[in-house]
Amino acid sequence: MAGCGRYLSDIASDLSRLSPENIDNMIALAQLPENVRGFGPVKEAAMQRHARDRADLRTKLMREKPSCAADQSTEAPGDLDV
């Protein structure tokens, strides 16, 4: 279960960096565990690819500046259509 905890930690920490420019990388990071399947050498190879791809994606995401939802909003809080 350590892998699950690391996965959740990755997603939680990287969400603060989510932006339109890196959403594809975030989706790819979220989907990585889907590719770890099989038994024996097949699973081992999948886990090695997973570790490599995870490191590459996290490096790309860490290069991004954290976004702030308030900075991206173009409407004032009272400007809702009712």
C-alpha atoms as a PDB file:
ATOM      1  CA  MET A   1       0.000   0.000   0.000  1.00  0.00           C
ATOM      2  CA  ALA A   2       3.004   2.327   0.148  1.00  0.00           C
ATOM      3  CA  GLY A   3       2.578   2.927  -3.587  1.00  0.00           C
ATOM      4  CA  CYS A   4      -0.989   4.110  -3.027  1.00  0.00           C
ATOM      5  CA  GLY A   5       0.128   6.599  -0.393  1.00  0.00           C
ATOM      6  CA  ARG A   6       2.859   7.957  -2.665  1.00  0.00           C
ATOM      7  CA  TYR A   7       0.369   8.234  -5.540  1.00  0.00           C
ATOM      8  CA  LEU A   8      -2.100  10.207  -3.426  1.00  0.00           C
ATOM      9  CA  SER A   9       0.697  12.399  -2.104  1.00  0.00           C
ATOM     10  CA  ASP A  10       1.910  13.137  -5.657  1.00  0.00           C
ATOM     11  CA  ILE A  11      -1.547  14.102  -6.829  1.00  0.00           C
ATOM     12  CA  ALA A  12      -2.285  16.241  -3.777  1.00  0.00           C
ATOM     13  CA  SER A  13       0.992  18.160  -3.964  1.00  0.00           C
ATOM     14  CA  ASP A  14       0.885  18.629  -7.735  1.00  0.00           C
ATOM     15  CA  LEU A  15      -2.707  19.903  -7.838  1.00  0.00           C
ATOM     16  CA  SER A  16      -1.476  23.269  -6.589  1.00  0.00           C
ATOM     17  CA  ARG A  17       0.495  23.518  -9.836  1.00  0.00           C
ATOM     18  CA  LEU A  18      -2.421  22.623 -12.119  1.00  0.00           C
ATOM     19  CA  SER A  19      -2.804  24.963 -15.075  1.00  0.00           C
ATOM     20  CA  PRO A  20      -4.148  24.770 -18.622  1.00  0.00           C
ATOM     21  CA  GLU A  21      -0.557  24.394 -19.821  1.00  0.00           C
ATOM     22  CA  ASN A  22       0.207  21.280 -17.750  1.00  0.00           C
ATOM     23  CA  ILE A  23      -3.146  19.534 -17.485  1.00  0.00           C
ATOM     24  CA  ASP A  24      -1.999  16.832 -19.920  1.00  0.00           C
ATOM     25  CA  ASN A  25       0.950  16.028 -17.635  1.00  0.00           C
ATOM     26  CA  MET A  26      -1.352  15.897 -14.599  1.00  0.00           C
ATOM     27  CA  ILE A  27      -3.715  13.514 -16.386  1.00  0.00           C
ATOM     28  CA  ALA A  28      -0.775  11.333 -17.435  1.00  0.00           C
ATOM     29  CA  LEU A  29       0.497  11.264 -13.838  1.00  0.00           C
ATOM     30  CA  ALA A  30      -2.961  10.312 -12.549  1.00  0.00           C
ATOM     31  CA  GLN A  31      -3.232   7.482 -15.091  1.00  0.00           C
ATOM     32  CA  LEU A  32       0.211   5.945 -14.490  1.00  0.00           C
ATOM     33  CA  PRO A  33      -0.958   3.202 -12.091  1.00  0.00           C
ATOM     34  CA  GLU A  34      -3.297   1.847 -14.776  1.00  0.00           C
ATOM     35  CA  ASN A  35      -0.249   0.629 -16.708  1.00  0.00           C
ATOM     36  CA  VAL A  36       1.227  -1.528 -13.919  1.00  0.00           C
ATOM     37  CA  ARG A  37      -0.100  -5.007 -14.621  1.00  0.00           C
ATOM     38  CA  GLY A  38       1.037  -8.560 -14.995  1.00  0.00           C
ATOM     39  CA  PHE A  39       3.178 -10.917 -12.975  1.00  0.00           C
ATOM     40  CA  GLY A  40       6.874 -11.585 -12.623  1.00  0.00           C
ATOM     41  CA  PRO A  41       9.083  -9.992 -15.289  1.00  0.00           C
ATOM     42  CA  VAL A  42       6.118  -8.353 -17.044  1.00  0.00           C
ATOM     43  CA  LYS A  43       5.085  -6.543 -13.862  1.00  0.00           C
ATOM     44  CA  GLU A  44       8.706  -5.682 -13.024  1.00  0.00           C
ATOM     45  CA  ALA A  45       9.167  -4.049 -16.444  1.00  0.00           C
ATOM     46  CA  ALA A  46       5.884  -2.143 -16.006  1.00  0.00           C
ATOM     47  CA  MET A  47       6.980  -0.914 -12.574  1.00  0.00           C
ATOM     48  CA  GLN A  48      10.313   0.279 -14.005  1.00  0.00           C
ATOM     49  CA  ARG A  49       8.469   2.206 -16.751  1.00  0.00           C
ATOM     50  CA  HIS A  50       6.111   3.594 -14.112  1.00  0.00           C
ATOM     51  CA  ALA A  51       9.016   4.847 -11.964  1.00  0.00           C
ATOM     52  CA  ARG A  52      10.739   6.439 -14.968  1.00  0.00           C
ATOM     53  CA  ASP A  53       7.553   8.066 -16.276  1.00  0.00           C
ATOM     54  CA  ARG A  54       6.573   9.264 -12.780  1.00  0.00           C
ATOM     55  CA  ALA A  55       9.953  10.926 -12.307  1.00  0.00           C
ATOM     56  CA  ASP A  56       9.772  12.592 -15.747  1.00  0.00           C
ATOM     57  CA  LEU A  57       6.245  13.902 -15.210  1.00  0.00           C
ATOM     58  CA  ARG A  58       6.935  15.149 -11.684  1.00  0.00           C
ATOM     59  CA  THR A  59      10.051  16.964 -12.935  1.00  0.00           C
ATOM     60  CA  LYS A  60       7.986  18.694 -15.614  1.00  0.00           C
ATOM     61  CA  LEU A  61       5.315  19.639 -13.073  1.00  0.00           C
ATOM     62  CA  MET A  62       7.855  20.951 -10.560  1.00  0.00           C
ATOM     63  CA  ARG A  63       9.143  23.370 -13.188  1.00  0.00           C
ATOM     64  CA  GLU A  64       5.722  25.031 -13.213  1.00  0.00           C
ATOM     65  CA  LYS A  65       4.980  27.848 -10.804  1.00  0.00           C
ATOM     66  CA  PRO A  66       2.120  27.076  -8.414  1.00  0.00           C
ATOM     67  CA  SER A  67      -1.158  28.479  -9.639  1.00  0.00           C
ATOM     68  CA  CYS A  68      -3.642  30.316  -7.499  1.00  0.00           C
ATOM     69  CA  ALA A  69      -7.341  29.935  -8.254  1.00  0.00           C
ATOM     70  CA  ALA A  70      -7.975  33.511  -7.125  1.00  0.00           C
ATOM     71  CA  ASP A  71      -5.417  34.837  -9.618  1.00  0.00           C
ATOM     72  CA  GLN A  72      -7.096  32.977 -12.473  1.00  0.00           C
ATOM     73  CA  SER A  73     -10.595  34.222 -11.746  1.00  0.00           C
ATOM     74  CA  THR A  74     -11.875  36.949 -14.062  1.00  0.00           C
ATOM     75  CA  GLU A  75     -15.091  37.557 -12.152  1.00  0.00           C
ATOM     76  CA  ALA A  76     -15.533  39.338  -8.870  1.00  0.00           C
ATOM     77  CA  PRO A  77     -17.326  37.237  -6.216  1.00  0.00           C
ATOM     78  CA  GLY A  78     -20.543  39.222  -6.645  1.00  0.00           C
ATOM     79  CA  ASP A  79     -20.633  38.939 -10.461  1.00  0.00           C
ATOM     80  CA  LEU A  80     -22.713  35.774 -10.659  1.00  0.00           C
ATOM     81  CA  ASP A  81     -25.597  35.529 -13.096  1.00  0.00           C
ATOM     82  CA  VAL A  82     -28.753  34.732 -11.188  1.00  0.00           C
END
